[in-house]
PDB file of N, CA and C in Angstrom:
ATOM      1  N   MET A   1      -9.240  -5.975  -8.270  1.00  0.00           N
ATOM      2  CA  MET A   1      -7.986  -5.320  -7.970  1.00  0.00           C
ATOM      3  C   MET A   1      -6.989  -5.709  -9.063  1.00  0.00           C
ATOM      4  N   ASN A   2      -6.336  -4.710  -9.624  1.00  0.00           N
ATOM      5  CA  ASN A   2      -5.380  -4.992 -10.691  1.00  0.00           C
ATOM      6  C   ASN A   2      -4.000  -5.324 -10.103  1.00  0.00           C
ATOM      7  N   PRO A   3      -3.076  -5.844 -10.918  1.00  0.00           N
ATOM      8  CA  PRO A   3      -1.786  -6.309 -10.395  1.00  0.00           C
ATOM      9  C   PRO A   3      -0.977  -5.249  -9.638  1.00  0.00           C
ATOM     10  N   GLU A   4      -0.936  -4.035 -10.140  1.00  0.00           N
ATOM     11  CA  GLU A   4      -0.147  -3.008  -9.463  1.00  0.00           C
ATOM     12  C   GLU A   4      -0.738  -2.653  -8.093  1.00  0.00           C
ATOM     13  N   GLN A   5      -2.053  -2.749  -7.970  1.00  0.00           N
ATOM     14  CA  GLN A   5      -2.684  -2.535  -6.673  1.00  0.00           C
ATOM     15  C   GLN A   5      -2.384  -3.708  -5.740  1.00  0.00           C
ATOM     16  N   MET A   6      -2.417  -4.916  -6.285  1.00  0.00           N
ATOM     17  CA  MET A   6      -2.085  -6.100  -5.487  1.00  0.00           C
ATOM     18  C   MET A   6      -0.675  -6.003  -4.931  1.00  0.00           C
ATOM     19  N   VAL A   7       0.242  -5.531  -5.748  1.00  0.00           N
ATOM     20  CA  VAL A   7       1.630  -5.381  -5.312  1.00  0.00           C
ATOM     21  C   VAL A   7       1.698  -4.500  -4.064  1.00  0.00           C
ATOM     22  N   CYS A   8       0.968  -3.394  -4.069  1.00  0.00           N
ATOM     23  CA  CYS A   8       1.007  -2.453  -2.943  1.00  0.00           C
ATOM     24  C   CYS A   8       0.396  -3.061  -1.686  1.00  0.00           C
ATOM     25  N   VAL A   9      -0.708  -3.763  -1.830  1.00  0.00           N
ATOM     26  CA  VAL A   9      -1.373  -4.380  -0.671  1.00  0.00           C
ATOM     27  C   VAL A   9      -0.529  -5.528  -0.127  1.00  0.00           C
ATOM     28  N   ILE A  10      -0.046  -6.387  -1.001  1.00  0.00           N
ATOM     29  CA  ILE A  10       0.772  -7.522  -0.567  1.00  0.00           C
ATOM     30  C   ILE A  10       2.068  -7.020   0.072  1.00  0.00           C
ATOM     31  N   TYR A  11       2.626  -5.971  -0.483  1.00  0.00           N
ATOM     32  CA  TYR A  11       3.840  -5.368   0.075  1.00  0.00           C
ATOM     33  C   TYR A  11       3.637  -5.032   1.549  1.00  0.00           C
ATOM     34  N   ALA A  12       2.509  -4.413   1.858  1.00  0.00           N
ATOM     35  CA  ALA A  12       2.225  -4.044   3.246  1.00  0.00           C
ATOM     36  C   ALA A  12       2.173  -5.274   4.141  1.00  0.00           C
ATOM     37  N   GLY A  13       1.563  -6.328   3.656  1.00  0.00           N
ATOM     38  CA  GLY A  13       1.433  -7.542   4.452  1.00  0.00           C
ATOM     39  C   GLY A  13       2.744  -8.264   4.678  1.00  0.00           C
ATOM     40  N   VAL A  14       3.516  -8.462   3.625  1.00  0.00           N
ATOM     41  CA  VAL A  14       4.747  -9.253   3.756  1.00  0.00           C
ATOM     42  C   VAL A  14       5.864  -8.475   4.447  1.00  0.00           C
ATOM     43  N   ASN A  15       5.723  -7.171   4.546  1.00  0.00           N
ATOM     44  CA  ASN A  15       6.750  -6.366   5.203  1.00  0.00           C
ATOM     45  C   ASN A  15       6.375  -5.970   6.630  1.00  0.00           C
ATOM     46  N   GLY A  16       5.346  -6.608   7.169  1.00  0.00           N
ATOM     47  CA  GLY A  16       5.032  -6.457   8.582  1.00  0.00           C
ATOM     48  C   GLY A  16       4.165  -5.275   8.966  1.00  0.00           C
ATOM     49  N   TYR A  17       3.695  -4.507   8.013  1.00  0.00           N
ATOM     50  CA  TYR A  17       2.900  -3.329   8.342  1.00  0.00           C
ATOM     51  C   TYR A  17       1.513  -3.680   8.887  1.00  0.00           C
ATOM     52  N   LEU A  18       1.061  -4.891   8.635  1.00  0.00           N
ATOM     53  CA  LEU A  18      -0.268  -5.293   9.092  1.00  0.00           C
ATOM     54  C   LEU A  18      -0.212  -6.226  10.299  1.00  0.00           C
ATOM     55  N   ASP A  19       0.971  -6.469  10.835  1.00  0.00           N
ATOM     56  CA  ASP A  19       1.137  -7.423  11.926  1.00  0.00           C
ATOM     57  C   ASP A  19       0.302  -7.075  13.157  1.00  0.00           C
ATOM     58  N   LYS A  20       0.154  -5.810  13.462  1.00  0.00           N
ATOM     59  CA  LYS A  20      -0.587  -5.390  14.656  1.00  0.00           C
ATOM     60  C   LYS A  20      -2.068  -5.143  14.378  1.00  0.00           C
ATOM     61  N   MET A  21      -2.481  -5.338  13.138  1.00  0.00           N
ATOM     62  CA  MET A  21      -3.862  -5.088  12.746  1.00  0.00           C
ATOM     63  C   MET A  21      -4.702  -6.343  12.959  1.00  0.00           C
ATOM     64  N   GLU A  22      -5.914  -6.144  13.462  1.00  0.00           N
ATOM     65  CA  GLU A  22      -6.845  -7.267  13.578  1.00  0.00           C
ATOM     66  C   GLU A  22      -7.150  -7.778  12.170  1.00  0.00           C
ATOM     67  N   THR A  23      -7.169  -9.086  12.011  1.00  0.00           N
ATOM     68  CA  THR A  23      -7.394  -9.650  10.678  1.00  0.00           C
ATOM     69  C   THR A  23      -8.750  -9.246  10.106  1.00  0.00           C
ATOM     70  N   SER A  24      -9.713  -8.976  10.954  1.00  0.00           N
ATOM     71  CA  SER A  24     -11.029  -8.563  10.463  1.00  0.00           C
ATOM     72  C   SER A  24     -10.988  -7.180   9.812  1.00  0.00           C
ATOM     73  N   LYS A  25      -9.921  -6.411  10.070  1.00  0.00           N
ATOM     74  CA  LYS A  25      -9.799  -5.064   9.490  1.00  0.00           C
ATOM     75  C   LYS A  25      -9.036  -5.046   8.167  1.00  0.00           C
ATOM     76  N   ILE A  26      -8.496  -6.179   7.766  1.00  0.00           N
ATOM     77  CA  ILE A  26      -7.680  -6.192   6.551  1.00  0.00           C
ATOM     78  C   ILE A  26      -8.473  -5.831   5.290  1.00  0.00           C
ATOM     79  N   PRO A  27      -9.704  -6.310   5.096  1.00  0.00           N
ATOM     80  CA  PRO A  27     -10.454  -5.851   3.917  1.00  0.00           C
ATOM     81  C   PRO A  27     -10.670  -4.331   3.914  1.00  0.00           C
ATOM     82  N   GLN A  28     -10.896  -3.767   5.089  1.00  0.00           N
ATOM     83  CA  GLN A  28     -11.060  -2.315   5.190  1.00  0.00           C
ATOM     84  C   GLN A  28      -9.731  -1.622   4.873  1.00  0.00           C
ATOM     85  N   PHE A  29      -8.628  -2.200   5.354  1.00  0.00           N
ATOM     86  CA  PHE A  29      -7.308  -1.659   5.038  1.00  0.00           C
ATOM     87  C   PHE A  29      -7.104  -1.614   3.529  1.00  0.00           C
ATOM     88  N   GLU A  30      -7.393  -2.731   2.860  1.00  0.00           N
ATOM     89  CA  GLU A  30      -7.211  -2.789   1.413  1.00  0.00           C
ATOM     90  C   GLU A  30      -7.968  -1.668   0.724  1.00  0.00           C
ATOM     91  N   LYS A  31      -9.223  -1.513   1.085  1.00  0.00           N
ATOM     92  CA  LYS A  31     -10.065  -0.493   0.457  1.00  0.00           C
ATOM     93  C   LYS A  31      -9.521   0.913   0.710  1.00  0.00           C
ATOM     94  N   LEU A  32      -9.251   1.222   1.981  1.00  0.00           N
ATOM     95  CA  LEU A  32      -8.803   2.571   2.330  1.00  0.00           C
ATOM     96  C   LEU A  32      -7.404   2.874   1.804  1.00  0.00           C
ATOM     97  N   PHE A  33      -6.509   1.884   1.866  1.00  0.00           N
ATOM     98  CA  PHE A  33      -5.151   2.100   1.381  1.00  0.00           C
ATOM     99  C   PHE A  33      -5.140   2.337  -0.126  1.00  0.00           C
ATOM    100  N   LEU A  34      -5.910   1.564  -0.858  1.00  0.00           N
ATOM    101  CA  LEU A  34      -5.958   1.759  -2.311  1.00  0.00           C
ATOM    102  C   LEU A  34      -6.590   3.095  -2.668  1.00  0.00           C
ATOM    103  N   GLU A  35      -7.605   3.513  -1.926  1.00  0.00           N
ATOM    104  CA  GLU A  35      -8.187   4.837  -2.150  1.00  0.00           C
ATOM    105  C   GLU A  35      -7.140   5.923  -1.907  1.00  0.00           C
ATOM    106  N   HIS A  36      -6.378   5.767  -0.826  1.00  0.00           N
ATOM    107  CA  HIS A  36      -5.324   6.739  -0.515  1.00  0.00           C
ATOM    108  C   HIS A  36      -4.287   6.785  -1.634  1.00  0.00           C
ATOM    109  N   LEU A  37      -3.861   5.627  -2.101  1.00  0.00           N
ATOM    110  CA  LEU A  37      -2.875   5.592  -3.182  1.00  0.00           C
ATOM    111  C   LEU A  37      -3.427   6.249  -4.447  1.00  0.00           C
ATOM    112  N   LYS A  38      -4.665   5.939  -4.788  1.00  0.00           N
ATOM    113  CA  LYS A  38      -5.265   6.514  -5.999  1.00  0.00           C
ATOM    114  C   LYS A  38      -5.413   8.023  -5.886  1.00  0.00           C
ATOM    115  N   ASN A  39      -5.762   8.493  -4.697  1.00  0.00           N
ATOM    116  CA  ASN A  39      -5.995   9.928  -4.508  1.00  0.00           C
ATOM    117  C   ASN A  39      -4.719  10.740  -4.324  1.00  0.00           C
ATOM    118  N   SER A  40      -3.700  10.132  -3.716  1.00  0.00           N
ATOM    119  CA  SER A  40      -2.514  10.913  -3.362  1.00  0.00           C
ATOM    120  C   SER A  40      -1.209  10.426  -3.989  1.00  0.00           C
ATOM    121  N   HIS A  41      -1.205   9.227  -4.531  1.00  0.00           N
ATOM    122  CA  HIS A  41       0.042   8.649  -5.048  1.00  0.00           C
ATOM    123  C   HIS A  41      -0.198   7.880  -6.343  1.00  0.00           C
ATOM    124  N   LEU A  42      -1.014   8.437  -7.202  1.00  0.00           N
ATOM    125  CA  LEU A  42      -1.357   7.768  -8.453  1.00  0.00           C
ATOM    126  C   LEU A  42      -0.123   7.525  -9.321  1.00  0.00           C
ATOM    127  N   ALA A  43       0.835   8.443  -9.269  1.00  0.00           N
ATOM    128  CA  ALA A  43       2.054   8.279 -10.075  1.00  0.00           C
ATOM    129  C   ALA A  43       2.800   7.005  -9.697  1.00  0.00           C
ATOM    130  N   LEU A  44       2.794   6.659  -8.429  1.00  0.00           N
ATOM    131  CA  LEU A  44       3.453   5.427  -7.984  1.00  0.00           C
ATOM    132  C   LEU A  44       2.764   4.206  -8.581  1.00  0.00           C
ATOM    133  N   ILE A  45       1.458   4.178  -8.503  1.00  0.00           N
ATOM    134  CA  ILE A  45       0.704   3.056  -9.076  1.00  0.00           C
ATOM    135  C   ILE A  45       0.955   2.961 -10.578  1.00  0.00           C
ATOM    136  N   GLU A  46       0.927   4.093 -11.256  1.00  0.00           N
ATOM    137  CA  GLU A  46       1.151   4.098 -12.701  1.00  0.00           C
ATOM    138  C   GLU A  46       2.557   3.621 -13.060  1.00  0.00           C
ATOM    139  N   GLU A  47       3.541   3.994 -12.255  1.00  0.00           N
ATOM    140  CA  GLU A  47       4.908   3.547 -12.529  1.00  0.00           C
ATOM    141  C   GLU A  47       5.048   2.040 -12.353  1.00  0.00           C
ATOM    142  N   ILE A  48       4.442   1.511 -11.300  1.00  0.00           N
ATOM    143  CA  ILE A  48       4.494   0.052 -11.099  1.00  0.00           C
ATOM    144  C   ILE A  48       3.800  -0.648 -12.265  1.00  0.00           C
ATOM    145  N   LYS A  49       2.680  -0.094 -12.700  1.00  0.00           N
ATOM    146  CA  LYS A  49       1.960  -0.680 -13.843  1.00  0.00           C
ATOM    147  C   LYS A  49       2.822  -0.640 -15.109  1.00  0.00           C
ATOM    148  N   LYS A  50       3.459   0.498 -15.345  1.00  0.00           N
ATOM    149  CA  LYS A  50       4.247   0.697 -16.560  1.00  0.00           C
ATOM    150  C   LYS A  50       5.489  -0.193 -16.584  1.00  0.00           C
ATOM    151  N   THR A  51       6.189  -0.266 -15.450  1.00  0.00           N
ATOM    152  CA  THR A  51       7.461  -0.991 -15.422  1.00  0.00           C
ATOM    153  C   THR A  51       7.299  -2.459 -15.052  1.00  0.00           C
ATOM    154  N   THR A  52       6.175  -2.811 -14.455  1.00  0.00           N
ATOM    155  CA  THR A  52       5.879  -4.163 -13.950  1.00  0.00           C
ATOM    156  C   THR A  52       6.932  -4.651 -12.954  1.00  0.00           C
ATOM    157  N   VAL A  53       7.575  -3.696 -12.291  1.00  0.00           N
ATOM    158  CA  VAL A  53       8.623  -4.014 -11.322  1.00  0.00           C
ATOM    159  C   VAL A  53       8.475  -3.077 -10.121  1.00  0.00           C
ATOM    160  N   LEU A  54       8.781  -3.596  -8.950  1.00  0.00           N
ATOM    161  CA  LEU A  54       8.841  -2.736  -7.774  1.00  0.00           C
ATOM    162  C   LEU A  54      10.305  -2.340  -7.586  1.00  0.00           C
ATOM    163  N   SER A  55      10.648  -1.198  -8.142  1.00  0.00           N
ATOM    164  CA  SER A  55      12.038  -0.731  -8.087  1.00  0.00           C
ATOM    165  C   SER A  55      12.415  -0.353  -6.656  1.00  0.00           C
ATOM    166  N   ASP A  56      13.702  -0.171  -6.424  1.00  0.00           N
ATOM    167  CA  ASP A  56      14.173   0.251  -5.106  1.00  0.00           C
ATOM    168  C   ASP A  56      13.554   1.592  -4.719  1.00  0.00           C
ATOM    169  N   ASP A  57      13.409   2.482  -5.686  1.00  0.00           N
ATOM    170  CA  ASP A  57      12.812   3.792  -5.418  1.00  0.00           C
ATOM    171  C   ASP A  57      11.342   3.657  -5.023  1.00  0.00           C
ATOM    172  N   ASN A  58      10.613   2.807  -5.729  1.00  0.00           N
ATOM    173  CA  ASN A  58       9.202   2.599  -5.400  1.00  0.00           C
ATOM    174  C   ASN A  58       9.042   1.863  -4.076  1.00  0.00           C
ATOM    175  N   ASP A  59       9.964   0.968  -3.767  1.00  0.00           N
ATOM    176  CA  ASP A  59       9.977   0.297  -2.473  1.00  0.00           C
ATOM    177  C   ASP A  59      10.100   1.350  -1.365  1.00  0.00           C
ATOM    178  N   LYS A  60      11.021   2.263  -1.538  1.00  0.00           N
ATOM    179  CA  LYS A  60      11.229   3.336  -0.563  1.00  0.00           C
ATOM    180  C   LYS A  60       9.972   4.203  -0.429  1.00  0.00           C
ATOM    181  N   LYS A  61       9.349   4.520  -1.553  1.00  0.00           N
ATOM    182  CA  LYS A  61       8.126   5.337  -1.532  1.00  0.00           C
ATOM    183  C   LYS A  61       6.997   4.625  -0.783  1.00  0.00           C
ATOM    184  N   LEU A  62       6.820   3.341  -1.047  1.00  0.00           N
ATOM    185  CA  LEU A  62       5.772   2.590  -0.358  1.00  0.00           C
ATOM    186  C   LEU A  62       6.016   2.545   1.151  1.00  0.00           C
ATOM    187  N   LYS A  63       7.265   2.367   1.558  1.00  0.00           N
ATOM    188  CA  LYS A  63       7.605   2.380   2.986  1.00  0.00           C
ATOM    189  C   LYS A  63       7.201   3.709   3.613  1.00  0.00           C
ATOM    190  N   GLU A  64       7.564   4.804   2.956  1.00  0.00           N
ATOM    191  CA  GLU A  64       7.253   6.135   3.480  1.00  0.00           C
ATOM    192  C   GLU A  64       5.744   6.364   3.560  1.00  0.00           C
ATOM    193  N   ILE A  65       5.038   5.954   2.525  1.00  0.00           N
ATOM    194  CA  ILE A  65       3.580   6.124   2.498  1.00  0.00           C
ATOM    195  C   ILE A  65       2.937   5.349   3.637  1.00  0.00           C
ATOM    196  N   LEU A  66       3.330   4.098   3.796  1.00  0.00           N
ATOM    197  CA  LEU A  66       2.742   3.271   4.857  1.00  0.00           C
ATOM    198  C   LEU A  66       3.081   3.805   6.247  1.00  0.00           C
ATOM    199  N   LYS A  67       4.307   4.244   6.464  1.00  0.00           N
ATOM    200  CA  LYS A  67       4.703   4.778   7.762  1.00  0.00           C
ATOM    201  C   LYS A  67       3.927   6.043   8.114  1.00  0.00           C
ATOM    202  N   GLU A  68       3.600   6.855   7.114  1.00  0.00           N
ATOM    203  CA  GLU A  68       2.847   8.092   7.358  1.00  0.00           C
ATOM    204  C   GLU A  68       1.347   7.830   7.468  1.00  0.00           C
ATOM    205  N   TRP A  69       0.824   6.971   6.597  1.00  0.00           N
ATOM    206  CA  TRP A  69      -0.631   6.803   6.503  1.00  0.00           C
ATOM    207  C   TRP A  69      -1.213   5.867   7.548  1.00  0.00           C
ATOM    208  N   LEU A  70      -0.564   4.755   7.803  1.00  0.00           N
ATOM    209  CA  LEU A  70      -1.137   3.763   8.727  1.00  0.00           C
ATOM    210  C   LEU A  70      -1.476   4.326  10.110  1.00  0.00           C
ATOM    211  N   PRO A  71      -0.589   5.090  10.745  1.00  0.00           N
ATOM    212  CA  PRO A  71      -0.931   5.611  12.082  1.00  0.00           C
ATOM    213  C   PRO A  71      -2.159   6.529  12.100  1.00  0.00           C
ATOM    214  N   VAL A  72      -2.447   7.194  11.003  1.00  0.00           N
ATOM    215  CA  VAL A  72      -3.598   8.100  10.968  1.00  0.00           C
ATOM    216  C   VAL A  72      -4.822   7.466  10.307  1.00  0.00           C
ATOM    217  N   SER A  73      -4.690   6.212   9.877  1.00  0.00           N
ATOM    218  CA  SER A  73      -5.790   5.543   9.172  1.00  0.00           C
ATOM    219  C   SER A  73      -6.917   5.110  10.094  1.00  0.00           C
ATOM    220  N   GLY A  74      -6.617   4.969  11.387  1.00  0.00           N
ATOM    221  CA  GLY A  74      -7.611   4.487  12.336  1.00  0.00           C
ATOM    222  C   GLY A  74      -7.768   2.986  12.343  1.00  0.00           C
ATOM    223  N   LEU A  75      -6.867   2.287  11.685  1.00  0.00           N
ATOM    224  CA  LEU A  75      -6.976   0.829  11.569  1.00  0.00           C
ATOM    225  C   LEU A  75      -6.097   0.073  12.560  1.00  0.00           C
ATOM    226  N   LEU A  76      -5.137   0.747  13.161  1.00  0.00           N
ATOM    227  CA  LEU A  76      -4.243   0.064  14.113  1.00  0.00           C
ATOM    228  C   LEU A  76      -4.696   0.315  15.539  1.00  0.00           C
TER     229      LEU A  76
END
């Protein structure tokens, strides 16, 4: 996992999005969430890679992505 991907996964954890998830599902979350980001939000990953910063705009985007994707992911 590269740094920009780590940022997205760690972001979910430290901001409480994984609090209700069984810990045994976290590796599956990582895999599925990164696949979702690569398939549907590659520009976000590329921007984090390019700027090496999680800007306020990217923070907002990650929140929106997690709020939309997690309920339909089947992991909660």
